[in-house]
């Protein structure tokens, strides 16, 4: 493997792991005490997919179905998601409720505001455009592999 690609993968993983931890520690917001990062991520995935099965959530979050069942149960109890019956009675899809959409909007705003403040003096507009171009391309490549 090209050393640059290995470095890129390593950097990406570090930013994902340690960046999430830093944001949660640095941002004093009631959302982070009321909801776990995994619950917020679950809401984000449901929002991104519109309707999603618990099996797909388990696959995307790389966890066992029992972990997803626990998250789903908690989110259902808080009325942030609901189960939608499909034509195939065996398949149940999950979707966000209005309350779930609101929590996700608040979470996204908190994260965006924090990162904007953190990065505003260190990253210029050209670098943001390069980042967007690269990640849009990466998203398209990853989306086409059938996951």
Protein backbone atom coordinates (compact mmCIF):
# COMPACT_ATOMS: atom_id res chain seq x y z
CA UNK A 1 0.00 0.00 0.00
CA UNK A 2 1.22 3.48 -0.83
CA UNK A 3 2.58 5.08 2.37
CA UNK A 4 0.52 8.20 1.72
CA UNK A 5 -2.69 6.20 1.55
CA UNK A 6 -1.82 4.39 4.78
CA UNK A 7 -1.12 7.75 6.43
CA UNK A 8 -4.45 9.10 5.12
CA UNK A 9 -6.34 6.12 6.56
CA UNK A 10 -4.53 6.45 9.89
CA UNK A 11 -5.24 10.19 10.05
CA UNK A 12 -8.89 9.69 9.14
CA UNK A 13 -9.31 7.12 11.94
CA UNK A 14 -7.54 9.35 14.47
CA UNK A 15 -9.75 12.31 13.59
CA UNK A 16 -12.89 10.17 13.88
CA UNK A 17 -11.98 8.55 17.20
CA UNK A 18 -10.23 11.36 19.01
CA UNK A 19 -12.24 14.16 17.40
CA UNK A 20 -15.50 12.71 18.67
CA UNK A 21 -14.03 12.31 22.14
CA UNK A 22 -12.67 15.87 22.14
CA UNK A 23 -15.98 17.38 21.05
CA UNK A 24 -17.92 15.49 23.71
CA UNK A 25 -15.45 16.56 26.43
CA UNK A 26 -15.16 20.15 25.21
CA UNK A 27 -18.78 21.02 24.52
CA UNK A 28 -20.85 21.62 27.62
CA UNK A 29 -24.31 20.87 26.31
CA UNK A 30 -27.20 18.95 27.90
CA UNK A 31 -27.48 16.82 24.75
CA UNK A 32 -24.21 15.04 25.58
CA UNK A 33 -25.47 14.09 29.04
CA UNK A 34 -28.94 13.04 27.90
CA UNK A 35 -27.85 11.07 24.82
CA UNK A 36 -24.83 8.87 24.21
CA UNK A 37 -22.65 9.42 21.13
CA UNK A 38 -23.93 6.06 19.86
CA UNK A 39 -27.53 7.22 20.19
CA UNK A 40 -26.78 10.44 18.30
CA UNK A 41 -24.99 8.42 15.62
CA UNK A 42 -28.01 6.11 15.38
CA UNK A 43 -30.31 9.11 14.89
CA UNK A 44 -27.95 10.46 12.22
CA UNK A 45 -27.94 7.16 10.33
CA UNK A 46 -31.73 6.88 10.48
CA UNK A 47 -31.98 10.44 9.19
CA UNK A 48 -29.50 9.80 6.38
CA UNK A 49 -31.27 6.64 5.23
CA UNK A 50 -34.82 7.98 5.86
CA UNK A 51 -36.03 4.47 6.73
CA UNK A 52 -33.66 1.79 7.93
CA UNK A 53 -33.81 -1.66 9.49
CA UNK A 54 -32.12 -2.56 12.75
CA UNK A 55 -29.97 -5.08 10.86
CA UNK A 56 -28.63 -2.35 8.59
CA UNK A 57 -27.96 -0.12 11.61
CA UNK A 58 -25.96 -2.94 13.22
CA UNK A 59 -23.95 -3.34 10.02
CA UNK A 60 -23.27 0.39 9.64
CA UNK A 61 -22.30 0.83 13.30
CA UNK A 62 -20.27 -2.40 13.34
CA UNK A 63 -22.01 -3.76 16.42
CA UNK A 64 -24.03 -6.82 17.32
CA UNK A 65 -27.80 -6.69 16.87
CA UNK A 66 -28.27 -6.78 20.66
CA UNK A 67 -26.45 -3.43 20.98
CA UNK A 68 -28.70 -1.94 18.32
CA UNK A 69 -31.78 -3.39 20.03
CA UNK A 70 -30.80 -1.63 23.24
CA UNK A 71 -30.26 1.71 21.44
CA UNK A 72 -33.53 1.38 19.56
CA UNK A 73 -35.42 0.58 22.76
CA UNK A 74 -34.04 3.71 24.47
CA UNK A 75 -34.76 5.93 21.46
CA UNK A 76 -38.30 4.52 21.21
CA UNK A 77 -38.88 5.21 24.92
CA UNK A 78 -37.77 8.82 24.39
CA UNK A 79 -40.10 9.08 21.35
CA UNK A 80 -37.21 10.02 19.06
CA UNK A 81 -37.87 7.22 16.57
CA UNK A 82 -40.82 5.08 15.53
CA UNK A 83 -41.27 1.71 13.87
CA UNK A 84 -42.92 1.79 10.45
CA UNK A 85 -44.56 -1.33 9.08
CA UNK A 86 -43.76 -2.12 5.46
CA UNK A 87 -45.67 -4.16 2.90
CA UNK A 88 -43.54 -7.12 3.97
CA UNK A 89 -44.93 -7.65 7.50
CA UNK A 90 -41.68 -9.29 8.61
CA UNK A 91 -39.63 -6.17 7.87
CA UNK A 92 -39.83 -3.23 10.23
CA UNK A 93 -38.26 0.06 9.33
CA UNK A 94 -37.20 2.82 11.68
CA UNK A 95 -37.71 6.51 11.10
CA UNK A 96 -37.21 9.69 13.10
CA UNK A 97 -40.09 11.40 14.86
CA UNK A 98 -40.29 15.19 14.92
CA UNK A 99 -38.66 15.09 18.37
CA UNK A 100 -35.84 12.95 16.95
CA UNK A 101 -35.33 15.41 14.11
CA UNK A 102 -35.16 18.25 16.64
CA UNK A 103 -32.55 16.47 18.79
CA UNK A 104 -30.48 15.74 15.68
CA UNK A 105 -30.73 19.38 14.50
CA UNK A 106 -29.58 20.57 17.93
CA UNK A 107 -26.71 18.09 17.93
CA UNK A 108 -25.62 19.10 14.43
CA UNK A 109 -25.75 22.79 15.38
CA UNK A 110 -23.69 22.26 18.54
CA UNK A 111 -21.10 20.27 16.59
CA UNK A 112 -20.98 22.74 13.70
CA UNK A 113 -20.67 25.76 16.00
CA UNK A 114 -17.87 24.11 17.99
CA UNK A 115 -15.90 23.04 14.92
CA UNK A 116 -16.38 26.42 13.26
CA UNK A 117 -14.92 28.14 16.31
CA UNK A 118 -12.11 25.58 16.60
CA UNK A 119 -11.09 25.67 12.95
CA UNK A 120 -11.96 29.20 11.80
CA UNK A 121 -8.51 30.63 12.38
CA UNK A 122 -6.61 27.58 11.14
CA UNK A 123 -8.37 26.54 7.94
CA UNK A 124 -9.04 28.88 5.03
CA UNK A 125 -11.83 28.80 2.44
CA UNK A 126 -9.65 27.11 -0.19
CA UNK A 127 -8.82 24.27 2.21
CA UNK A 128 -12.50 23.84 3.06
CA UNK A 129 -13.31 23.59 -0.66
CA UNK A 130 -10.55 20.98 -1.13
CA UNK A 131 -11.89 19.02 1.84
CA UNK A 132 -15.43 19.12 0.45
CA UNK A 133 -14.30 18.07 -3.03
CA UNK A 134 -12.33 15.15 -1.66
CA UNK A 135 -15.05 13.93 0.71
CA UNK A 136 -17.80 14.25 -1.91
CA UNK A 137 -15.69 12.12 -4.24
CA UNK A 138 -14.93 9.62 -1.47
CA UNK A 139 -18.63 9.42 -0.55
CA UNK A 140 -19.55 8.64 -4.17
CA UNK A 141 -16.88 5.96 -4.41
CA UNK A 142 -17.95 4.33 -1.15
CA UNK A 143 -21.69 4.55 -1.94
CA UNK A 144 -21.16 2.67 -5.21
CA UNK A 145 -19.64 -0.41 -3.56
CA UNK A 146 -23.04 -1.73 -2.46
CA UNK A 147 -22.89 -1.32 1.32
